[in-house]
C-alpha atoms as a PDB file:
ATOM      1  CA  ALA A   1      89.880  83.109  98.499  1.00  0.00           C
ATOM      2  CA  LEU A   2      87.664  80.109  97.691  1.00  0.00           C
ATOM      3  CA  ARG A   3      89.656  79.379  94.548  1.00  0.00           C
ATOM      4  CA  GLU A   4      92.872  79.282  96.555  1.00  0.00           C
ATOM      5  CA  LEU A   5      91.258  77.013  99.146  1.00  0.00           C
ATOM      6  CA  ALA A   6      90.104  74.710  96.339  1.00  0.00           C
ATOM      7  CA  PHE A   7      93.661  74.593  95.026  1.00  0.00           C
ATOM      8  CA  GLN A   8      94.898  73.571  98.469  1.00  0.00           C
ATOM      9  CA  GLU A   9      92.331  70.770  98.557  1.00  0.00           C
ATOM     10  CA  VAL A  10      93.537  69.533  95.170  1.00  0.00           C
ATOM     11  CA  LEU A  11      97.076  69.409  96.523  1.00  0.00           C
ATOM     12  CA  ARG A  12      95.766  67.324  99.431  1.00  0.00           C
ATOM     13  CA  GLY A  13      93.931  65.038  97.007  1.00  0.00           C
ATOM     14  CA  ASP A  14      90.480  65.961  98.329  1.00  0.00           C
ATOM     15  CA  TYR A  15      88.889  66.550  94.944  1.00  0.00           C
ATOM     16  CA  PRO A  16      85.257  66.450  96.141  1.00  0.00           C
ATOM     17  CA  ARG A  17      86.036  69.217  98.648  1.00  0.00           C
ATOM     18  CA  ALA A  18      87.857  71.185  95.931  1.00  0.00           C
ATOM     19  CA  GLN A  19      84.789  70.909  93.679  1.00  0.00           C
ATOM     20  CA  HIS A  20      82.544  72.014  96.536  1.00  0.00           C
ATOM     21  CA  LEU A  21      84.697  75.108  97.087  1.00  0.00           C
ATOM     22  CA  LEU A  22      84.750  75.883  93.360  1.00  0.00           C
ATOM     23  CA  ASN A  23      80.963  75.563  93.233  1.00  0.00           C
ATOM     24  CA  ARG A  24      80.714  78.093  96.067  1.00  0.00           C
ATOM     25  CA  ALA A  25      83.127  80.391  94.258  1.00  0.00           C
ATOM     26  CA  LEU A  26      81.072  80.079  91.066  1.00  0.00           C
ATOM     27  CA  ARG A  27      77.890  81.007  92.899  1.00  0.00           C
ATOM     28  CA  ALA A  28      79.647  84.116  94.218  1.00  0.00           C
ATOM     29  CA  ASN A  29      81.413  84.964  90.905  1.00  0.00           C
ATOM     30  CA  PRO A  30      79.502  83.318  88.040  1.00  0.00           C
ATOM     31  CA  ASP A  31      81.138  85.496  85.392  1.00  0.00           C
ATOM     32  CA  TRP A  32      84.751  84.722  86.291  1.00  0.00           C
ATOM     33  CA  THR A  33      85.905  82.322  83.561  1.00  0.00           C
ATOM     34  CA  PRO A  34      89.041  80.967  85.321  1.00  0.00           C
ATOM     35  CA  LEU A  35      86.778  79.233  87.845  1.00  0.00           C
ATOM     36  CA  TYR A  36      85.238  77.208  85.026  1.00  0.00           C
ATOM     37  CA  LEU A  37      88.686  76.230  83.784  1.00  0.00           C
ATOM     38  CA  ASP A  38      89.534  75.020  87.282  1.00  0.00           C
ATOM     39  CA  ALA A  39      86.243  73.117  87.476  1.00  0.00           C
ATOM     40  CA  VAL A  40      87.184  71.221  84.299  1.00  0.00           C
ATOM     41  CA  ALA A  41      90.490  70.202  85.843  1.00  0.00           C
ATOM     42  CA  VAL A  42      88.916  69.065  89.118  1.00  0.00           C
ATOM     43  CA  ALA A  43      86.221  67.051  87.321  1.00  0.00           C
ATOM     44  CA  ALA A  44      88.944  65.376  85.255  1.00  0.00           C
ATOM     45  CA  LEU A  45      91.005  64.602  88.338  1.00  0.00           C
ATOM     46  CA  ARG A  46      87.889  62.981  89.814  1.00  0.00           C
ATOM     47  CA  TRP A  47      87.454  60.935  86.604  1.00  0.00           C
ATOM     48  CA  ARG A  48      83.969  62.377  86.113  1.00  0.00           C
ATOM     49  CA  MET A  49      83.594  62.335  82.332  1.00  0.00           C
ATOM     50  CA  ASP A  50      80.065  63.790  82.299  1.00  0.00           C
ATOM     51  CA  GLU A  51      81.078  66.650  84.593  1.00  0.00           C
ATOM     52  CA  THR A  52      84.259  67.248  82.600  1.00  0.00           C
ATOM     53  CA  ARG A  53      82.206  67.443  79.418  1.00  0.00           C
ATOM     54  CA  GLU A  54      79.692  69.830  81.026  1.00  0.00           C
ATOM     55  CA  TRP A  55      82.403  72.141  82.372  1.00  0.00           C
ATOM     56  CA  LEU A  56      84.234  72.092  79.026  1.00  0.00           C
ATOM     57  CA  GLY A  57      80.961  73.033  77.356  1.00  0.00           C
ATOM     58  CA  GLU A  58      80.671  75.999  79.684  1.00  0.00           C
ATOM     59  CA  VAL A  59      84.266  77.019  78.917  1.00  0.00           C
ATOM     60  CA  GLU A  60      83.498  76.772  75.200  1.00  0.00           C
ATOM     61  CA  ARG A  61      80.379  78.948  75.595  1.00  0.00           C
ATOM     62  CA  ARG A  62      82.315  81.547  77.586  1.00  0.00           C
ATOM     63  CA  THR A  63      85.374  81.608  75.327  1.00  0.00           C
ATOM     64  CA  ASN A  64      85.539  79.613  72.079  1.00  0.00           C
ATOM     65  CA  PRO A  65      86.014  76.011  70.901  1.00  0.00           C
ATOM     66  CA  ALA A  66      89.771  76.452  70.499  1.00  0.00           C
ATOM     67  CA  THR A  67      90.164  77.386  74.155  1.00  0.00           C
ATOM     68  CA  ALA A  68      88.135  74.376  75.297  1.00  0.00           C
ATOM     69  CA  LEU A  69      90.194  72.136  73.009  1.00  0.00           C
ATOM     70  CA  ARG A  70      93.482  73.490  74.338  1.00  0.00           C
ATOM     71  CA  LEU A  71      92.251  72.958  77.885  1.00  0.00           C
ATOM     72  CA  LEU A  72      91.328  69.359  77.077  1.00  0.00           C
ATOM     73  CA  ARG A  73      94.846  68.895  75.713  1.00  0.00           C
ATOM     74  CA  GLU A  74      96.478  70.037  78.959  1.00  0.00           C
ATOM     75  CA  PRO A  75      98.590  67.335  80.684  1.00  0.00           C
ATOM     76  CA  ALA A  76      96.253  67.237  83.693  1.00  0.00           C
ATOM     77  CA  LEU A  77      93.467  65.970  81.420  1.00  0.00           C
ATOM     78  CA  ALA A  78      95.550  63.293  79.644  1.00  0.00           C
ATOM     79  CA  GLY A  79      93.755  60.415  81.356  1.00  0.00           C
ATOM     80  CA  ILE A  80      90.327  61.714  80.410  1.00  0.00           C
ATOM     81  CA  ARG A  81      91.514  62.375  76.873  1.00  0.00           C
ATOM     82  CA  ARG A  82      92.742  58.776  76.470  1.00  0.00           C
ATOM     83  CA  ALA A  83      89.366  57.304  77.416  1.00  0.00           C
ATOM     84  CA  ARG A  84      87.050  56.473  74.505  1.00  0.00           C
ATOM     85  CA  GLU A  85      84.607  59.218  75.519  1.00  0.00           C
ATOM     86  CA  GLY A  86      87.485  61.665  75.867  1.00  0.00           C
ATOM     87  CA  GLN A  87      88.732  60.847  72.383  1.00  0.00           C
ATOM     88  CA  ALA A  88      85.258  61.476  71.002  1.00  0.00           C
ATOM     89  CA  LEU A  89      85.045  64.746  72.903  1.00  0.00           C
ATOM     90  CA  GLU A  90      88.416  65.845  71.548  1.00  0.00           C
ATOM     91  CA  LYS A  91      87.251  65.103  67.982  1.00  0.00           C
ATOM     92  CA  GLU A  92      84.045  67.071  68.531  1.00  0.00           C
ATOM     93  CA  LEU A  93      85.905  70.067  69.915  1.00  0.00           C
ATOM     94  CA  ALA A  94      88.506  69.914  67.154  1.00  0.00           C
ATOM     95  CA  ALA A  95      85.756  69.894  64.541  1.00  0.00           C
ATOM     96  CA  ARG A  96      84.127  72.954  66.111  1.00  0.00           C
ATOM     97  CA  ALA A  97      87.429  74.710  66.612  1.00  0.00           C
ATOM     98  CA  GLY A  98      88.650  74.146  63.066  1.00  0.00           C
ATOM     99  CA  ALA A  99      91.337  76.616  62.210  1.00  0.00           C
ATOM    100  CA  ALA A 100      90.511  78.625  65.342  1.00  0.00           C
ATOM    101  CA  ALA A 101      92.693  76.268  67.417  1.00  0.00           C
ATOM    102  CA  ALA A 102      95.735  77.669  65.647  1.00  0.00           C
ATOM    103  CA  THR A 103      94.366  81.197  65.368  1.00  0.00           C
ATOM    104  CA  TYR A 104      93.672  81.840  69.068  1.00  0.00           C
ATOM    105  CA  PRO A 105      96.615  80.362  71.032  1.00  0.00           C
ATOM    106  CA  ASP A 106      96.635  83.226  73.551  1.00  0.00           C
ATOM    107  CA  LEU A 107      92.988  82.944  74.550  1.00  0.00           C
ATOM    108  CA  LEU A 108      93.482  80.064  76.958  1.00  0.00           C
ATOM    109  CA  LEU A 109      93.576  81.217  80.540  1.00  0.00           C
ATOM    110  CA  ALA A 110      95.671  78.514  82.166  1.00  0.00           C
ATOM    111  CA  PRO A 111      93.814  76.631  84.889  1.00  0.00           C
ATOM    112  CA  LYS A 112      95.429  76.725  88.279  1.00  0.00           C
ATOM    113  CA  PHE A 113      95.340  72.946  88.662  1.00  0.00           C
END
């Protein structure tokens, strides 16, 4: 229910409230990977590069580098990806993903946002 409420807050443009709700959901369900994917998207929508990087790191730890790279390449993260730090992050993830980016296309659980 908290994830759905967070999604509603994103639609309203209240990204801080959406992040707050996702944080609550993560405390209640710390092993549910889709929440981390959503947290990446919300951090990116808030233009919080450090938070985006941290959440992507958590996604990478929970899945693999290819999944984190594919998430970074989602349209919702285009602005972050175009920033200098985002370009560097994309290079780092691509280096870690290597051939895995092409090998694991089905591993990405699409974020709701």
